[in-house]
Protein backbone atom coordinates (compact mmCIF):
# COMPACT_ATOMS: atom_id res chain seq x y z
CA MET A 1 -4.01 -7.07 -9.96
CA ALA A 2 -4.19 -9.42 -6.57
CA GLU A 3 -4.34 -13.18 -7.32
CA ILE A 4 -5.99 -15.23 -5.10
CA ILE A 5 -6.31 -19.23 -4.86
CA PRO A 6 -8.25 -21.62 -2.50
CA LEU A 7 -6.24 -23.57 -0.14
CA LYS A 8 -6.71 -27.04 1.81
CA ALA A 9 -6.36 -25.80 5.05
CA TRP A 10 -4.65 -28.16 8.07
CA ARG A 11 -7.03 -28.11 10.90
CA TYR A 12 -7.75 -29.47 14.28
CA HIS A 13 -8.72 -33.21 14.00
CA THR A 14 -12.78 -33.38 14.40
CA SER A 15 -12.38 -35.35 17.82
CA LEU A 16 -10.94 -31.91 19.03
CA ILE A 17 -13.06 -29.44 17.68
CA PRO A 18 -15.63 -29.75 21.12
CA ASP A 19 -12.19 -28.35 22.78
CA ILE A 20 -11.57 -25.34 19.93
CA ASP A 21 -11.46 -22.50 22.68
CA GLN A 22 -8.56 -24.56 24.58
CA LEU A 23 -6.84 -24.54 20.92
CA VAL A 24 -7.19 -21.01 19.96
CA SER A 25 -4.83 -18.52 20.62
CA PRO A 26 -4.63 -14.36 20.07
CA LEU A 27 -2.08 -13.43 17.13
CA PHE A 28 1.85 -13.27 18.75
CA ASP A 29 2.06 -9.91 19.05
CA VAL A 30 -0.87 -8.96 20.94
CA VAL A 31 -0.88 -12.07 23.36
CA SER A 32 0.18 -10.99 27.04
CA GLU A 33 2.78 -12.73 29.10
CA LYS A 34 -0.13 -14.20 31.32
CA GLN A 35 -2.24 -15.72 28.36
CA ARG A 36 0.97 -17.24 26.94
CA GLN A 37 1.63 -18.97 30.17
CA LYS A 38 -1.50 -20.38 30.57
CA GLN A 39 -1.93 -21.61 26.75
CA TYR A 40 1.27 -23.38 26.87
CA GLN A 41 -0.07 -25.20 29.57
CA ASN A 42 -2.24 -27.17 26.75
CA PRO A 43 -0.03 -29.44 24.76
CA HIS A 44 -2.06 -28.90 21.33
CA ASN A 45 -2.78 -25.00 21.70
CA SER A 46 -1.81 -23.41 18.48
CA ILE A 47 0.17 -20.95 20.25
CA HIS A 48 3.32 -23.39 20.46
CA LEU A 49 3.20 -22.93 16.42
CA SER A 50 2.47 -19.10 16.34
CA VAL A 51 4.76 -18.20 19.48
CA PRO A 52 7.32 -21.13 19.87
CA LYS A 53 9.00 -21.36 23.48
CA GLY A 54 12.47 -22.41 24.29
CA ASP A 55 16.10 -21.29 23.28
CA ASN A 56 15.25 -22.27 19.42
CA PRO A 57 11.53 -21.50 18.92
CA ALA A 58 11.45 -21.93 15.12
CA GLU A 59 13.22 -25.48 15.32
CA ASN A 60 10.96 -26.09 18.19
CA ALA A 61 7.77 -25.29 16.42
CA ARG A 62 8.92 -27.38 13.52
CA HIS A 63 9.27 -30.44 15.76
CA THR A 64 5.63 -29.64 17.20
CA LEU A 65 4.20 -29.61 13.96
CA LYS A 66 5.50 -32.65 12.66
CA LYS A 67 4.56 -34.21 15.51
CA TRP A 68 1.01 -32.91 15.35
CA LYS A 69 1.11 -34.20 11.44
CA GLN A 70 2.27 -37.68 12.75
CA ASN A 71 -0.37 -38.16 15.21
CA GLY A 72 -3.41 -36.85 13.89
CA ILE A 73 -3.57 -33.52 15.91
CA ILE A 74 -3.93 -31.74 12.56
CA VAL A 75 -5.29 -33.24 9.31
CA GLN A 76 -5.36 -31.49 6.05
CA ASP A 77 -8.72 -30.87 4.27
CA GLN A 78 -9.15 -32.83 1.09
CA ILE A 79 -10.80 -30.58 -1.26
CA PRO A 80 -9.83 -27.15 -1.79
CA GLY A 81 -11.73 -24.10 -0.67
CA ILE A 82 -12.04 -20.54 0.50
CA TYR A 83 -12.89 -20.30 4.30
CA VAL A 84 -15.15 -17.70 5.29
CA TYR A 85 -14.52 -16.18 8.56
CA TYR A 86 -17.20 -13.94 10.86
CA GLN A 87 -16.59 -12.00 13.97
CA HIS A 88 -19.03 -10.64 15.98
CA PHE A 89 -18.57 -8.45 18.45
CA GLN A 90 -19.42 -5.25 20.55
CA LEU A 91 -17.50 -2.34 21.44
CA PRO A 92 -17.35 -0.94 25.06
CA GLY A 93 -20.01 1.68 26.04
CA SER A 94 -22.30 0.63 22.60
CA ILE A 95 -25.03 -1.69 22.56
CA ARG A 96 -24.96 -2.24 18.69
CA HIS A 97 -23.69 -5.50 17.48
CA PHE A 98 -21.23 -5.75 14.74
CA CYS A 99 -19.93 -8.76 12.36
CA ARG A 100 -17.31 -8.34 10.26
CA LYS A 101 -17.57 -10.37 7.45
CA GLY A 102 -14.29 -11.86 5.36
CA PHE A 103 -12.65 -14.86 3.75
CA ILE A 104 -9.44 -16.75 4.06
CA CYS A 105 -7.63 -17.95 1.09
CA ASN A 106 -3.85 -18.13 -0.20
CA ILE A 107 -2.80 -14.56 -1.91
CA ARG A 108 0.41 -14.47 -4.28
CA VAL A 109 3.12 -12.82 -2.46
CA TYR A 110 3.77 -9.21 -4.01
CA ASP A 111 6.66 -6.70 -3.36
CA TRP A 112 5.99 -3.42 -1.87
CA ASP A 113 7.01 -1.63 -5.40
CA GLU A 114 4.50 -3.66 -7.24
CA LYS A 115 1.56 -1.85 -5.65
CA VAL A 116 -0.89 -4.62 -5.33
CA ILE A 117 -0.07 -5.10 -1.42
CA LEU A 118 -0.33 -1.51 0.23
CA ARG A 119 0.97 -1.85 3.71
CA HIS A 120 0.25 1.21 5.69
CA GLU A 121 3.16 0.74 8.56
CA ASN A 122 6.73 0.21 8.52
CA THR A 123 8.06 -3.09 9.91
CA MET A 124 10.99 -3.54 12.50
CA PRO A 125 13.92 -6.18 10.69
CA VAL A 126 14.09 -8.53 14.33
CA SER A 127 10.49 -9.29 14.25
CA VAL A 128 10.53 -10.12 10.11
CA ASN A 129 13.28 -11.81 10.75
CA ASP A 130 11.53 -13.80 13.60
CA ARG A 131 8.49 -14.63 11.21
CA THR A 132 10.84 -15.69 8.41
CA GLU A 133 12.51 -17.82 10.42
CA ILE A 134 9.19 -19.78 11.75
CA LEU A 135 8.00 -19.71 7.96
CA ALA A 136 11.38 -21.29 6.90
CA LYS A 137 11.26 -24.09 9.32
CA THR A 138 7.85 -24.93 9.32
CA GLN A 139 6.80 -24.16 6.01
CA LEU A 140 3.45 -23.00 7.38
CA ASN A 141 1.51 -20.06 7.76
CA VAL A 142 0.09 -20.32 10.88
CA SER A 143 -2.37 -17.51 11.26
CA PRO A 144 -3.94 -15.13 8.37
CA THR A 145 -2.72 -11.73 8.35
CA HIS A 146 -5.67 -9.38 7.60
CA GLY A 147 -6.54 -7.56 4.21
CA LEU A 148 -8.85 -4.86 3.10
CA TYR A 149 -10.48 -4.76 -0.64
CA GLU A 150 -12.65 -2.05 -2.01
CA ASP A 151 -15.97 -3.30 -3.18
CA THR A 152 -18.89 -0.78 -2.95
CA GLY A 153 -21.20 -3.54 -4.54
CA PHE A 154 -20.67 -6.28 -2.10
CA LEU A 155 -20.76 -8.68 -4.62
CA LEU A 156 -19.22 -11.60 -2.29
CA GLU A 157 -21.28 -11.04 0.81
CA LYS A 158 -24.17 -12.81 -0.35
CA TYR A 159 -21.96 -16.16 -1.03
CA MET A 160 -20.42 -15.53 2.27
CA ASP A 161 -23.73 -15.55 4.22
CA GLU A 162 -24.81 -18.71 2.57
CA SER A 163 -21.71 -20.34 3.65
CA MET A 164 -22.34 -19.36 7.00
CA GLU A 165 -25.41 -21.38 7.18
CA THR A 166 -23.25 -24.47 7.68
CA PRO A 167 -20.44 -23.36 9.97
CA LEU A 168 -17.30 -25.65 10.85
CA TYR A 169 -17.17 -24.42 14.13
CA GLU A 170 -17.31 -21.27 16.30
CA THR A 171 -15.72 -20.02 19.32
CA GLU A 172 -15.75 -16.72 21.55
CA ASP A 173 -12.55 -15.13 22.61
CA TYR A 174 -10.88 -13.64 25.58
CA GLN A 175 -12.37 -10.38 24.90
CA GLY A 176 -16.07 -11.60 24.26
CA VAL A 177 -15.72 -11.69 20.32
CA LYS A 178 -17.63 -14.52 18.61
CA ASP A 179 -15.31 -16.21 16.11
CA VAL A 180 -17.49 -18.47 13.11
CA LEU A 181 -15.92 -20.56 10.14
CA SER A 182 -17.15 -22.18 7.46
CA VAL A 183 -15.95 -23.20 3.96
CA ILE A 184 -17.01 -22.68 0.33
CA ARG A 185 -15.97 -25.68 -1.90
CA ASP A 186 -17.72 -24.93 -5.01
CA PRO A 187 -15.44 -24.35 -7.90
CA ASP A 188 -17.94 -22.05 -9.41
CA VAL A 189 -18.43 -19.83 -6.85
CA ILE A 190 -14.43 -19.86 -5.53
CA ASN A 191 -13.84 -18.68 -9.34
CA ILE A 192 -16.16 -15.92 -8.48
CA PHE A 193 -14.04 -15.09 -5.86
CA THR A 194 -10.78 -15.28 -7.66
CA SER A 195 -12.27 -13.00 -10.82
CA HIS A 196 -13.43 -10.47 -8.34
CA LEU A 197 -10.16 -9.62 -6.54
CA ARG A 198 -8.61 -9.77 -9.80
CA ASP A 199 -8.47 -5.83 -10.54
CA LYS A 200 -8.11 -5.13 -6.68
CA GLN A 201 -5.33 -3.77 -4.24
CA ILE A 202 -5.15 -5.05 -1.29
CA VAL A 203 -4.58 -2.43 2.10
CA LEU A 204 -2.32 -4.59 4.55
CA ALA A 205 -4.81 -4.02 7.77
CA ASP A 206 -2.50 -5.99 10.20
CA GLY A 207 0.21 -8.67 9.76
CA HIS A 208 2.70 -6.52 8.36
CA HIS A 209 5.77 -8.45 10.29
CA ARG A 210 4.17 -11.76 8.79
CA TYR A 211 3.50 -10.45 5.28
CA ALA A 212 6.93 -8.77 5.38
CA GLY A 213 8.30 -12.55 6.58
CA SER A 214 6.70 -13.98 3.71
CA LEU A 215 8.14 -11.50 1.24
CA ALA A 216 11.63 -12.19 2.68
CA TYR A 217 11.36 -15.93 2.43
CA LYS A 218 10.10 -15.96 -0.97
CA LYS A 219 13.00 -13.63 -2.10
CA GLN A 220 15.42 -15.91 -0.55
CA GLN A 221 13.84 -19.24 -2.28
CA GLN A 222 13.71 -17.58 -5.66
CA ALA A 223 17.53 -16.74 -5.45
CA ASN A 224 18.30 -20.12 -4.60
CA ASN A 225 16.20 -21.80 -7.23
CA PRO A 226 17.30 -21.74 -10.79
CA THR A 227 13.95 -23.34 -12.13
CA HIS A 228 11.93 -21.06 -10.15
CA THR A 229 8.50 -20.76 -11.76
CA GLY A 230 6.33 -18.72 -9.83
CA GLY A 231 4.01 -21.54 -8.70
CA GLU A 232 5.82 -22.75 -5.85
CA GLY A 233 4.29 -22.82 -2.30
CA TYR A 234 6.56 -20.26 -1.20
CA ASN A 235 5.18 -17.77 -3.65
CA TYR A 236 1.93 -17.42 -1.73
CA HIS A 237 0.68 -16.24 1.85
CA MET A 238 -2.46 -17.02 3.69
CA MET A 239 -4.63 -13.76 4.23
CA TYR A 240 -8.06 -12.88 5.57
CA LEU A 241 -9.85 -10.47 3.26
CA THR A 242 -12.53 -7.97 4.38
CA ASN A 243 -14.25 -5.35 2.38
CA MET A 244 -13.47 -2.06 3.51
CA GLU A 245 -16.65 -0.36 2.65
CA SER A 246 -18.31 -2.35 5.39
CA ASP A 247 -19.29 -0.56 8.17
CA ASP A 248 -18.55 -3.25 10.67
CA ILE A 249 -14.55 -2.41 9.95
CA ARG A 250 -13.72 -0.80 12.88
CA VAL A 251 -10.26 1.10 13.86
CA LEU A 252 -9.70 2.00 17.29
CA PRO A 253 -7.56 4.61 19.19
CA THR A 254 -4.34 4.15 20.63
CA HIS A 255 -3.62 6.31 23.09
CA ARG A 256 -0.22 7.56 24.36
CA LEU A 257 1.57 7.00 27.55
CA ILE A 258 4.17 8.99 28.81
CA HIS A 259 6.53 7.80 31.80
CA GLY A 260 10.06 8.33 33.02
CA LEU A 261 11.01 11.68 31.60
CA LYS A 262 13.57 13.57 34.17
CA ASP A 263 12.41 16.77 35.91
CA PHE A 264 8.85 16.24 34.28
CA ASP A 265 6.90 19.30 35.45
CA GLN A 266 3.06 19.43 34.47
CA LYS A 267 2.84 23.26 34.69
CA LYS A 268 5.64 23.69 32.35
CA VAL A 269 4.40 20.90 30.14
CA MET A 270 0.88 23.09 29.96
CA GLU A 271 2.86 26.21 29.23
CA ARG A 272 4.25 24.82 26.10
CA ILE A 273 1.19 23.31 25.14
CA GLU A 274 -0.95 26.39 25.20
CA SER A 275 1.34 28.37 22.57
CA ASN A 276 0.01 26.40 19.95
CA PHE A 277 -3.37 24.64 21.20
CA ILE A 278 -6.54 25.81 22.62
CA VAL A 279 -6.90 24.56 25.98
CA LYS A 280 -10.07 23.62 28.41
CA PRO A 281 -10.14 22.15 31.61
CA VAL A 282 -12.13 19.02 31.90
CA ASP A 283 -13.86 18.20 35.73
CA ASN A 284 -15.00 14.82 34.63
CA ALA A 285 -11.80 12.71 33.22
CA TYR A 286 -14.00 9.85 32.37
CA ASP A 287 -15.76 12.07 29.78
CA LEU A 288 -12.51 12.93 28.15
CA ASN A 289 -12.38 10.61 25.38
CA GLU A 290 -15.85 11.24 24.16
CA ILE A 291 -15.57 15.02 24.58
CA ILE A 292 -12.56 14.92 21.72
CA VAL A 293 -14.87 12.53 19.43
CA GLY A 294 -14.81 13.86 15.72
CA LYS A 295 -12.95 16.88 16.24
CA GLN A 296 -9.76 17.30 14.11
CA TRP A 297 -6.60 17.96 15.94
CA ALA A 298 -8.39 17.23 19.46
CA PHE A 299 -6.74 15.67 22.14
CA GLY A 300 -7.27 14.59 25.92
CA LEU A 301 -4.68 15.23 28.48
CA LEU A 302 -4.73 13.24 31.64
CA PHE A 303 -2.57 14.08 34.72
CA ASN A 304 -2.87 12.96 38.35
CA GLY A 305 -5.59 14.90 39.34
CA ASN A 306 -6.19 17.06 35.99
CA ALA A 307 -7.78 16.57 32.75
CA PHE A 308 -7.90 18.90 29.63
CA LYS A 309 -9.13 18.70 26.13
CA ILE A 310 -6.87 20.47 23.58
CA ARG A 311 -7.26 21.50 19.99
CA LEU A 312 -4.78 22.90 17.39
CA LYS A 313 -5.12 26.50 16.91
CA PRO A 314 -5.34 26.32 13.05
CA GLU A 315 -3.06 28.94 12.12
CA ASN A 316 -0.17 26.85 13.91
CA PHE A 317 -0.64 23.85 11.43
CA ARG A 318 1.70 25.77 8.78
CA ASN A 319 4.59 25.47 11.33
CA ILE A 320 4.69 21.75 11.09
CA THR A 321 8.69 21.43 9.87
CA TRP A 322 8.80 17.80 9.41
CA LYS A 323 9.14 16.82 5.88
CA PHE A 324 5.81 14.69 5.34
CA PRO A 325 3.61 14.99 2.51
CA GLU A 326 0.46 17.32 3.24
CA LYS A 327 -1.94 14.30 3.84
CA ILE A 328 0.57 12.84 6.47
CA LYS A 329 0.88 15.91 8.05
CA ALA A 330 -2.89 16.61 8.19
CA LEU A 331 -3.10 13.57 10.31
CA ASP A 332 -4.32 13.87 13.88
CA VAL A 333 -1.29 11.31 14.88
CA THR A 334 1.18 13.88 13.01
CA VAL A 335 -0.08 16.65 14.89
CA LEU A 336 0.29 14.92 18.49
CA HIS A 337 3.32 13.81 18.06
CA TYR A 338 5.08 17.21 16.35
CA PHE A 339 3.54 19.96 18.70
CA VAL A 340 3.02 17.52 22.18
CA ILE A 341 5.46 14.90 22.02
CA GLU A 342 8.42 16.74 20.56
CA LYS A 343 7.45 20.58 21.11
CA ALA A 344 5.86 20.57 24.76
CA LEU A 345 7.84 17.15 26.17
CA GLY A 346 11.17 17.54 24.23
CA ILE A 347 11.59 14.23 22.75
CA PRO A 348 12.73 14.36 19.03
CA GLY A 349 10.82 13.04 16.35
CA LYS A 350 13.50 10.79 15.45
CA LYS A 351 13.42 8.98 18.45
CA HIS A 352 9.62 8.68 18.65
CA THR A 353 9.58 4.93 17.39
CA THR A 354 12.14 3.99 19.95
CA SER A 355 11.46 6.14 22.82
CA ASN A 356 11.33 4.13 26.49
CA ASN A 357 9.37 7.24 27.79
CA ILE A 358 6.53 6.60 24.75
CA SER A 359 4.37 3.30 25.04
CA PHE A 360 1.07 2.79 23.88
CA ASP A 361 -2.37 1.67 24.86
CA ARG A 362 -5.73 1.09 23.35
CA SER A 363 -7.96 1.17 26.99
CA PHE A 364 -8.73 4.66 27.91
CA ALA A 365 -9.69 2.94 31.23
CA ASP A 366 -6.17 1.64 31.66
CA CYS A 367 -4.63 5.16 30.74
CA LEU A 368 -6.58 6.56 33.23
CA MET A 369 -5.69 4.11 36.04
CA LYS A 370 -1.72 4.15 34.80
CA VAL A 371 -2.03 8.18 35.54
CA THR A 372 -3.67 7.80 38.84
CA THR A 373 -1.73 5.53 39.98
CA LYS A 374 1.61 7.23 38.85
CA GLN A 375 2.55 4.39 36.35
CA ALA A 376 2.66 7.19 33.87
CA GLN A 377 3.40 11.10 34.23
CA MET A 378 0.40 11.56 31.58
CA ALA A 379 -1.67 10.09 29.05
CA ILE A 380 -2.54 11.62 25.81
CA ILE A 381 -5.81 10.40 24.57
CA VAL A 382 -6.49 10.45 20.51
CA ASN A 383 -9.46 9.92 18.35
CA GLU A 384 -9.61 7.07 16.21
CA ILE A 385 -8.20 7.33 12.31
CA THR A 386 -11.42 6.86 9.62
CA MET A 387 -11.33 4.04 7.01
CA GLU A 388 -11.18 7.17 4.56
CA LYS A 389 -7.89 8.62 5.63
CA ILE A 390 -6.62 5.19 5.86
CA LYS A 391 -7.85 4.81 2.25
CA ASP A 392 -6.52 8.19 0.96
CA VAL A 393 -3.46 7.61 2.44
CA CYS A 394 -2.52 3.97 1.28
CA PHE A 395 -3.87 4.50 -1.93
CA SER A 396 -1.61 7.67 -2.60
CA GLY A 397 1.24 5.05 -1.77
CA HIS A 398 2.08 6.92 1.71
CA ILE A 399 2.50 5.45 5.01
CA LEU A 400 0.67 6.18 8.07
CA PRO A 401 2.90 6.97 11.24
CA GLN A 402 3.85 4.45 13.62
CA LYS A 403 0.42 3.23 15.62
CA SER A 404 -1.95 5.03 13.91
CA THR A 405 -4.72 2.41 13.39
CA TYR A 406 -5.67 -0.74 15.49
CA PHE A 407 -8.12 -2.86 13.70
CA TYR A 408 -10.77 -4.53 15.92
CA PRO A 409 -11.14 -7.44 16.45
CA LYS A 410 -8.14 -9.15 15.68
CA VAL A 411 -8.13 -12.52 13.86
CA ILE A 412 -7.36 -15.22 16.23
CA CYS A 413 -5.19 -18.22 15.28
CA GLY A 414 -5.92 -21.90 15.36
CA PHE A 415 -8.86 -22.11 13.37
CA LEU A 416 -6.85 -23.10 10.49
CA PHE A 417 -3.10 -23.62 9.31
CA ASP A 418 -1.57 -23.16 5.70
CA SER A 419 1.50 -25.49 4.30
CA ILE A 420 3.55 -24.05 1.69
CA ASP A 421 5.60 -27.21 1.71
CA GLU A 422 6.21 -27.94 -1.92
CA ASN A 423 4.74 -31.84 -1.69
CA GLU A 424 1.66 -30.62 0.27
CA PHE A 425 1.13 -27.30 -1.63
CA HIS A 426 0.75 -28.97 -4.78
CA LYS A 427 -1.38 -31.60 -3.89
CA ASN A 428 -3.26 -28.92 -1.86
CA VAL A 429 -4.93 -26.87 -4.53
CA ASN A 430 -6.13 -27.14 -8.07
CA LEU A 431 -4.87 -23.78 -9.28
CA SER A 432 -6.55 -24.00 -12.35
CA LEU A 433 -9.66 -23.20 -10.24
């Protein structure tokens, strides 16, 4: 199924490696405005390629890339490889150390209906167009998307561990995550990786808009190329692949914040909620996220001065009228949006993805602060979705509701770049590997 190949990455010149901390950047869709402004001050920070500034950002990225290549800011590796990427991290409130192990390669771009790359959320056209334009101008995959493959035998991990004995470089990001990169260049070992993925489907964990941008660009180029062979650079996309069977794959919850609702009345909201949920007041709001852990259809509600645990009355589940498959209806996030956001708060389901009254926050502490300081009228605290449920939905051919997942940590930008320019791509890699 999934065809992967090694690549010859473009990387920062060795003279710049001591400053790698100042060159990497968060992904374009998670970087804050404050972070952006700080990183823009460094003329060689990778943000100039991933989130370019100006009235014509794609053209500016193209110009920056050309200058960097000419001046030797980035140089191309001479031997193709699969780049091993480990992320060491801890979660707030836990003493456990995690290490998410994976590798970066090129993967063939498949259309969604080919069922090789399985998306778990929909994309927004404006964001896809933005990524497509930058890809078209730069001919560069600036940062890898994140895909998951299934391997209960953990065949590849031993080769990755061996590679990590001689890392190329490492850095620590703004969240305290240690990112380490190494490379495998042995053709025999690379063949083990490529062969092992041939019977795998890939669940796209993160980077839906970037992958969709590659897919859109491939279709454009294929339509305009009468001699299309399938081997052109535009047929490939850079991806970070991790084993979904690993216990170090963490999916964090994404809480909902409600603000700006006209005539918002906590008492009336709670009366409507009580018709569908078992409600229990919580004395210490700081305990709320722990009280609901592991309980199906259980949520926390934070108001200014009050906190509640709510859990759907099981007999009410059948009252969901949205025409979703049963697997989707049974998800916590569906129950939340139907019974709380639509029925109790009066925001119709069809407006949930565009409503200005709903925002998202992954920090429980932030949610509590925003409610306490009246930046939000209420916060809805949710459980994380399990990897098993993600697999169940994706392999069944369905898509999860909006903001169901947040794979942590995010991949950083700047460790390596991948050219799909025809001249560079075909000297890039021996496709017979």
